PDB file of N, CA and C in Angstrom:
ATOM      1  N   MET A   1     -18.528   0.583   1.186  1.00  0.00           N
ATOM      2  CA  MET A   1     -17.293  -0.148   0.992  1.00  0.00           C
ATOM      3  C   MET A   1     -16.631  -0.327   2.350  1.00  0.00           C
ATOM      4  N   GLU A   2     -16.249  -1.542   2.654  1.00  0.00           N
ATOM      5  CA  GLU A   2     -15.556  -1.836   3.898  1.00  0.00           C
ATOM      6  C   GLU A   2     -14.096  -1.424   3.779  1.00  0.00           C
ATOM      7  N   LYS A   3     -13.600  -0.712   4.786  1.00  0.00           N
ATOM      8  CA  LYS A   3     -12.207  -0.280   4.793  1.00  0.00           C
ATOM      9  C   LYS A   3     -11.410  -1.174   5.729  1.00  0.00           C
ATOM     10  N   LYS A   4     -10.220  -1.546   5.287  1.00  0.00           N
ATOM     11  CA  LYS A   4      -9.313  -2.346   6.093  1.00  0.00           C
ATOM     12  C   LYS A   4      -7.913  -1.769   5.967  1.00  0.00           C
ATOM     13  N   LEU A   5      -7.134  -1.947   6.991  1.00  0.00           N
ATOM     14  CA  LEU A   5      -5.731  -1.567   6.927  1.00  0.00           C
ATOM     15  C   LEU A   5      -4.966  -2.648   6.195  1.00  0.00           C
ATOM     16  N   ILE A   6      -3.939  -2.281   5.457  1.00  0.00           N
ATOM     17  CA  ILE A   6      -3.166  -3.256   4.691  1.00  0.00           C
ATOM     18  C   ILE A   6      -2.610  -4.352   5.582  1.00  0.00           C
ATOM     19  N   ALA A   7      -2.089  -3.972   6.728  1.00  0.00           N
ATOM     20  CA  ALA A   7      -1.462  -4.954   7.617  1.00  0.00           C
ATOM     21  C   ALA A   7      -2.437  -5.504   8.651  1.00  0.00           C
ATOM     22  N   GLY A   8      -3.695  -5.127   8.564  1.00  0.00           N
ATOM     23  CA  GLY A   8      -4.682  -5.648   9.494  1.00  0.00           C
ATOM     24  C   GLY A   8      -4.337  -5.353  10.941  1.00  0.00           C
ATOM     25  N   ASN A   9      -4.532  -6.345  11.776  1.00  0.00           N
ATOM     26  CA  ASN A   9      -4.302  -6.176  13.210  1.00  0.00           C
ATOM     27  C   ASN A   9      -2.828  -6.251  13.599  1.00  0.00           C
ATOM     28  N   ILE A  10      -1.961  -6.735  12.687  1.00  0.00           N
ATOM     29  CA  ILE A  10      -0.559  -6.851  13.076  1.00  0.00           C
ATOM     30  C   ILE A  10       0.102  -5.483  13.157  1.00  0.00           C
ATOM     31  N   GLY A  11      -0.423  -4.524  12.378  1.00  0.00           N
ATOM     32  CA  GLY A  11       0.031  -3.146  12.480  1.00  0.00           C
ATOM     33  C   GLY A  11       1.437  -2.874  12.003  1.00  0.00           C
ATOM     34  N   TYR A  12       2.388  -3.637  12.432  1.00  0.00           N
ATOM     35  CA  TYR A  12       3.789  -3.395  12.111  1.00  0.00           C
ATOM     36  C   TYR A  12       4.254  -4.384  11.052  1.00  0.00           C
ATOM     37  N   PHE A  13       4.906  -3.887  10.017  1.00  0.00           N
ATOM     38  CA  PHE A  13       5.419  -4.795   8.989  1.00  0.00           C
ATOM     39  C   PHE A  13       6.791  -4.383   8.494  1.00  0.00           C
ATOM     40  N   GLY A  14       7.521  -3.651   9.271  1.00  0.00           N
ATOM     41  CA  GLY A  14       8.882  -3.303   8.889  1.00  0.00           C
ATOM     42  C   GLY A  14       9.140  -1.815   8.916  1.00  0.00           C
ATOM     43  N   ARG A  15      10.397  -1.476   8.624  1.00  0.00           N
ATOM     44  CA  ARG A  15      10.816  -0.075   8.723  1.00  0.00           C
ATOM     45  C   ARG A  15      11.404   0.467   7.435  1.00  0.00           C
ATOM     46  N   ASN A  16      11.182  -0.205   6.311  1.00  0.00           N
ATOM     47  CA  ASN A  16      11.798   0.284   5.090  1.00  0.00           C
ATOM     48  C   ASN A  16      10.911  -0.030   3.887  1.00  0.00           C
ATOM     49  N   LEU A  17      11.334   0.421   2.722  1.00  0.00           N
ATOM     50  CA  LEU A  17      10.528   0.233   1.513  1.00  0.00           C
ATOM     51  C   LEU A  17      10.454  -1.226   1.087  1.00  0.00           C
ATOM     52  N   ASP A  18      11.473  -2.007   1.396  1.00  0.00           N
ATOM     53  CA  ASP A  18      11.420  -3.442   1.086  1.00  0.00           C
ATOM     54  C   ASP A  18      10.311  -4.119   1.882  1.00  0.00           C
ATOM     55  N   ALA A  19      10.157  -3.755   3.138  1.00  0.00           N
ATOM     56  CA  ALA A  19       9.100  -4.319   3.975  1.00  0.00           C
ATOM     57  C   ALA A  19       7.722  -3.907   3.444  1.00  0.00           C
ATOM     58  N   PHE A  20       7.589  -2.659   3.020  1.00  0.00           N
ATOM     59  CA  PHE A  20       6.342  -2.185   2.424  1.00  0.00           C
ATOM     60  C   PHE A  20       6.014  -2.997   1.177  1.00  0.00           C
ATOM     61  N   ASN A  21       7.003  -3.201   0.334  1.00  0.00           N
ATOM     62  CA  ASN A  21       6.817  -4.001  -0.872  1.00  0.00           C
ATOM     63  C   ASN A  21       6.390  -5.425  -0.511  1.00  0.00           C
ATOM     64  N   ASP A  22       7.030  -6.014   0.479  1.00  0.00           N
ATOM     65  CA  ASP A  22       6.695  -7.379   0.897  1.00  0.00           C
ATOM     66  C   ASP A  22       5.245  -7.503   1.328  1.00  0.00           C
ATOM     67  N   VAL A  23       4.764  -6.564   2.132  1.00  0.00           N
ATOM     68  CA  VAL A  23       3.393  -6.659   2.636  1.00  0.00           C
ATOM     69  C   VAL A  23       2.379  -6.529   1.493  1.00  0.00           C
ATOM     70  N   LEU A  24       2.751  -5.840   0.425  1.00  0.00           N
ATOM     71  CA  LEU A  24       1.835  -5.693  -0.714  1.00  0.00           C
ATOM     72  C   LEU A  24       1.651  -6.988  -1.500  1.00  0.00           C
ATOM     73  N   TRP A  25       2.543  -7.956  -1.313  1.00  0.00           N
ATOM     74  CA  TRP A  25       2.369  -9.255  -1.972  1.00  0.00           C
ATOM     75  C   TRP A  25       1.224 -10.034  -1.349  1.00  0.00           C
ATOM     76  N   GLY A  26       0.839  -9.692  -0.132  1.00  0.00           N
ATOM     77  CA  GLY A  26      -0.244 -10.376   0.550  1.00  0.00           C
ATOM     78  C   GLY A  26       0.273 -11.460   1.472  1.00  0.00           C
ATOM     79  N   GLY A  27      -0.648 -11.966   2.293  1.00  0.00           N
ATOM     80  CA  GLY A  27      -0.313 -13.026   3.222  1.00  0.00           C
ATOM     81  C   GLY A  27       0.161 -12.543   4.580  1.00  0.00           C
ATOM     82  N   PHE A  28       0.331 -11.230   4.750  1.00  0.00           N
ATOM     83  CA  PHE A  28       0.802 -10.684   6.024  1.00  0.00           C
ATOM     84  C   PHE A  28      -0.308 -10.007   6.806  1.00  0.00           C
ATOM     85  N   GLY A  29      -1.327  -9.574   6.125  1.00  0.00           N
ATOM     86  CA  GLY A  29      -2.358  -8.762   6.769  1.00  0.00           C
ATOM     87  C   GLY A  29      -3.742  -9.281   6.477  1.00  0.00           C
ATOM     88  N   VAL A  30      -4.530  -8.483   5.782  1.00  0.00           N
ATOM     89  CA  VAL A  30      -5.940  -8.809   5.587  1.00  0.00           C
ATOM     90  C   VAL A  30      -6.238  -9.413   4.216  1.00  0.00           C
ATOM     91  N   PHE A  31      -5.248  -9.555   3.367  1.00  0.00           N
ATOM     92  CA  PHE A  31      -5.485 -10.184   2.080  1.00  0.00           C
ATOM     93  C   PHE A  31      -4.408 -11.235   1.825  1.00  0.00           C
ATOM     94  N   ASN A  32      -4.778 -12.211   1.026  1.00  0.00           N
ATOM     95  CA  ASN A  32      -3.897 -13.342   0.760  1.00  0.00           C
ATOM     96  C   ASN A  32      -2.962 -13.069  -0.412  1.00  0.00           C
ATOM     97  N   TYR A  33      -1.925 -13.860  -0.491  1.00  0.00           N
ATOM     98  CA  TYR A  33      -0.979 -13.784  -1.605  1.00  0.00           C
ATOM     99  C   TYR A  33      -1.744 -13.896  -2.918  1.00  0.00           C
ATOM    100  N   ASP A  34      -1.453 -13.023  -3.858  1.00  0.00           N
ATOM    101  CA  ASP A  34      -2.056 -12.973  -5.197  1.00  0.00           C
ATOM    102  C   ASP A  34      -3.545 -12.618  -5.212  1.00  0.00           C
ATOM    103  N   GLU A  35      -4.084 -12.155  -4.101  1.00  0.00           N
ATOM    104  CA  GLU A  35      -5.474 -11.705  -4.075  1.00  0.00           C
ATOM    105  C   GLU A  35      -5.532 -10.284  -4.623  1.00  0.00           C
ATOM    106  N   SER A  36      -6.484 -10.006  -5.490  1.00  0.00           N
ATOM    107  CA  SER A  36      -6.653  -8.654  -6.030  1.00  0.00           C
ATOM    108  C   SER A  36      -7.329  -7.776  -4.989  1.00  0.00           C
ATOM    109  N   ILE A  37      -6.808  -6.555  -4.843  1.00  0.00           N
ATOM    110  CA  ILE A  37      -7.390  -5.616  -3.887  1.00  0.00           C
ATOM    111  C   ILE A  37      -7.457  -4.230  -4.500  1.00  0.00           C
ATOM    112  N   LYS A  38      -8.297  -3.401  -3.899  1.00  0.00           N
ATOM    113  CA  LYS A  38      -8.336  -1.981  -4.241  1.00  0.00           C
ATOM    114  C   LYS A  38      -7.690  -1.237  -3.078  1.00  0.00           C
ATOM    115  N   LEU A  39      -6.665  -0.460  -3.376  1.00  0.00           N
ATOM    116  CA  LEU A  39      -5.964   0.328  -2.374  1.00  0.00           C
ATOM    117  C   LEU A  39      -6.359   1.787  -2.565  1.00  0.00           C
ATOM    118  N   VAL A  40      -7.013   2.354  -1.575  1.00  0.00           N
ATOM    119  CA  VAL A  40      -7.463   3.742  -1.632  1.00  0.00           C
ATOM    120  C   VAL A  40      -6.528   4.574  -0.760  1.00  0.00           C
ATOM    121  N   TRP A  41      -5.824   5.494  -1.393  1.00  0.00           N
ATOM    122  CA  TRP A  41      -4.900   6.380  -0.683  1.00  0.00           C
ATOM    123  C   TRP A  41      -5.629   7.706  -0.485  1.00  0.00           C
ATOM    124  N   GLU A  42      -6.172   7.888   0.706  1.00  0.00           N
ATOM    125  CA  GLU A  42      -6.905   9.109   1.010  1.00  0.00           C
ATOM    126  C   GLU A  42      -5.919  10.245   1.284  1.00  0.00           C
ATOM    127  N   HIS A  43      -6.318  11.453   0.930  1.00  0.00           N
ATOM    128  CA  HIS A  43      -5.499  12.655   1.126  1.00  0.00           C
ATOM    129  C   HIS A  43      -4.153  12.538   0.391  1.00  0.00           C
ATOM    130  N   SER A  44      -4.188  11.931  -0.790  1.00  0.00           N
ATOM    131  CA  SER A  44      -2.952  11.686  -1.535  1.00  0.00           C
ATOM    132  C   SER A  44      -2.258  12.984  -1.973  1.00  0.00           C
ATOM    133  N   ALA A  45      -2.999  14.036  -2.229  1.00  0.00           N
ATOM    134  CA  ALA A  45      -2.363  15.305  -2.615  1.00  0.00           C
ATOM    135  C   ALA A  45      -1.520  15.848  -1.456  1.00  0.00           C
ATOM    136  N   LYS A  46      -2.034  15.739  -0.248  1.00  0.00           N
ATOM    137  CA  LYS A  46      -1.266  16.163   0.928  1.00  0.00           C
ATOM    138  C   LYS A  46      -0.056  15.256   1.115  1.00  0.00           C
ATOM    139  N   SER A  47      -0.243  13.958   0.925  1.00  0.00           N
ATOM    140  CA  SER A  47       0.878  13.022   1.039  1.00  0.00           C
ATOM    141  C   SER A  47       1.965  13.364   0.040  1.00  0.00           C
ATOM    142  N   LYS A  48       1.565  13.680  -1.183  1.00  0.00           N
ATOM    143  CA  LYS A  48       2.545  14.027  -2.210  1.00  0.00           C
ATOM    144  C   LYS A  48       3.350  15.260  -1.794  1.00  0.00           C
ATOM    145  N   LYS A  49       2.657  16.250  -1.268  1.00  0.00           N
ATOM    146  CA  LYS A  49       3.334  17.468  -0.813  1.00  0.00           C
ATOM    147  C   LYS A  49       4.270  17.174   0.356  1.00  0.00           C
ATOM    148  N   ASP A  50       3.797  16.391   1.312  1.00  0.00           N
ATOM    149  CA  ASP A  50       4.570  16.120   2.526  1.00  0.00           C
ATOM    150  C   ASP A  50       5.737  15.157   2.285  1.00  0.00           C
ATOM    151  N   LEU A  51       5.547  14.190   1.397  1.00  0.00           N
ATOM    152  CA  LEU A  51       6.553  13.148   1.195  1.00  0.00           C
ATOM    153  C   LEU A  51       7.549  13.449   0.080  1.00  0.00           C
ATOM    154  N   GLY A  52       7.194  14.333  -0.832  1.00  0.00           N
ATOM    155  CA  GLY A  52       8.088  14.673  -1.932  1.00  0.00           C
ATOM    156  C   GLY A  52       8.427  13.459  -2.791  1.00  0.00           C
ATOM    157  N   ALA A  53       9.706  13.219  -3.022  1.00  0.00           N
ATOM    158  CA  ALA A  53      10.154  12.129  -3.905  1.00  0.00           C
ATOM    159  C   ALA A  53       9.773  10.750  -3.363  1.00  0.00           C
ATOM    160  N   LEU A  54       9.613  10.638  -2.045  1.00  0.00           N
ATOM    161  CA  LEU A  54       9.216   9.356  -1.462  1.00  0.00           C
ATOM    162  C   LEU A  54       7.833   8.942  -1.947  1.00  0.00           C
ATOM    163  N   PHE A  55       6.956   9.914  -2.154  1.00  0.00           N
ATOM    164  CA  PHE A  55       5.617   9.630  -2.669  1.00  0.00           C
ATOM    165  C   PHE A  55       5.708   8.899  -4.002  1.00  0.00           C
ATOM    166  N   ASP A  56       6.552   9.400  -4.908  1.00  0.00           N
ATOM    167  CA  ASP A  56       6.718   8.777  -6.220  1.00  0.00           C
ATOM    168  C   ASP A  56       7.295   7.369  -6.096  1.00  0.00           C
ATOM    169  N   LYS A  57       8.205   7.174  -5.174  1.00  0.00           N
ATOM    170  CA  LYS A  57       8.786   5.846  -4.949  1.00  0.00           C
ATOM    171  C   LYS A  57       7.723   4.875  -4.431  1.00  0.00           C
ATOM    172  N   LEU A  58       6.874   5.339  -3.532  1.00  0.00           N
ATOM    173  CA  LEU A  58       5.798   4.487  -3.021  1.00  0.00           C
ATOM    174  C   LEU A  58       4.828   4.107  -4.142  1.00  0.00           C
ATOM    175  N   LEU A  59       4.508   5.065  -4.998  1.00  0.00           N
ATOM    176  CA  LEU A  59       3.642   4.770  -6.148  1.00  0.00           C
ATOM    177  C   LEU A  59       4.287   3.726  -7.061  1.00  0.00           C
ATOM    178  N   GLU A  60       5.564   3.866  -7.285  1.00  0.00           N
ATOM    179  CA  GLU A  60       6.307   2.923  -8.125  1.00  0.00           C
ATOM    180  C   GLU A  60       6.221   1.508  -7.537  1.00  0.00           C
ATOM    181  N   ILE A  61       6.396   1.395  -6.245  1.00  0.00           N
ATOM    182  CA  ILE A  61       6.316   0.085  -5.585  1.00  0.00           C
ATOM    183  C   ILE A  61       4.911  -0.486  -5.705  1.00  0.00           C
ATOM    184  N   ILE A  62       3.913   0.324  -5.429  1.00  0.00           N
ATOM    185  CA  ILE A  62       2.519  -0.150  -5.497  1.00  0.00           C
ATOM    186  C   ILE A  62       2.183  -0.606  -6.907  1.00  0.00           C
ATOM    187  N   ARG A  63       2.606   0.140  -7.903  1.00  0.00           N
ATOM    188  CA  ARG A  63       2.245  -0.176  -9.294  1.00  0.00           C
ATOM    189  C   ARG A  63       2.962  -1.410  -9.832  1.00  0.00           C
ATOM    190  N   CYS A  64       3.964  -1.908  -9.126  1.00  0.00           N
ATOM    191  CA  CYS A  64       4.629  -3.164  -9.512  1.00  0.00           C
ATOM    192  C   CYS A  64       3.754  -4.382  -9.226  1.00  0.00           C
ATOM    193  N   HIS A  65       2.699  -4.185  -8.467  1.00  0.00           N
ATOM    194  CA  HIS A  65       1.818  -5.283  -8.064  1.00  0.00           C
ATOM    195  C   HIS A  65       0.554  -5.250  -8.924  1.00  0.00           C
ATOM    196  N   SER A  66       0.483  -6.147  -9.885  1.00  0.00           N
ATOM    197  CA  SER A  66      -0.622  -6.127 -10.849  1.00  0.00           C
ATOM    198  C   SER A  66      -1.981  -6.385 -10.193  1.00  0.00           C
ATOM    199  N   GLY A  67      -2.002  -7.003  -9.024  1.00  0.00           N
ATOM    200  CA  GLY A  67      -3.259  -7.295  -8.348  1.00  0.00           C
ATOM    201  C   GLY A  67      -3.793  -6.158  -7.510  1.00  0.00           C
ATOM    202  N   ILE A  68      -3.068  -5.035  -7.490  1.00  0.00           N
ATOM    203  CA  ILE A  68      -3.503  -3.896  -6.686  1.00  0.00           C
ATOM    204  C   ILE A  68      -4.026  -2.794  -7.596  1.00  0.00           C
ATOM    205  N   GLN A  69      -5.281  -2.454  -7.389  1.00  0.00           N
ATOM    206  CA  GLN A  69      -5.895  -1.313  -8.085  1.00  0.00           C
ATOM    207  C   GLN A  69      -5.743  -0.117  -7.156  1.00  0.00           C
ATOM    208  N   LEU A  70      -4.980   0.871  -7.557  1.00  0.00           N
ATOM    209  CA  LEU A  70      -4.705   2.048  -6.726  1.00  0.00           C
ATOM    210  C   LEU A  70      -5.647   3.170  -7.087  1.00  0.00           C
ATOM    211  N   LEU A  71      -6.276   3.736  -6.067  1.00  0.00           N
ATOM    212  CA  LEU A  71      -7.149   4.876  -6.240  1.00  0.00           C
ATOM    213  C   LEU A  71      -6.633   6.001  -5.357  1.00  0.00           C
ATOM    214  N   LEU A  72      -6.194   7.083  -5.977  1.00  0.00           N
ATOM    215  CA  LEU A  72      -5.719   8.252  -5.228  1.00  0.00           C
ATOM    216  C   LEU A  72      -6.886   9.208  -5.008  1.00  0.00           C
ATOM    217  N   LYS A  73      -7.114   9.557  -3.755  1.00  0.00           N
ATOM    218  CA  LYS A  73      -8.208  10.484  -3.418  1.00  0.00           C
ATOM    219  C   LYS A  73      -7.650  11.732  -2.804  1.00  0.00           C
TER     220      LYS A  73
END
């Protein structure tokens, strides 16, 4: 499976949760608007521990996008 960063080569897409939500719509990085993708969150158990309530908020944002299949590893 080929791995790509969500924002591709642009790297930067904002400093808040609204910007994160925007990039998930597509068209900013390596996938187009309304393109279905698989998002693999590696080390998600560590992220959950480190991020606390923010982890749940990020999951909530990701799950609002029907074209994103989320896989927690």
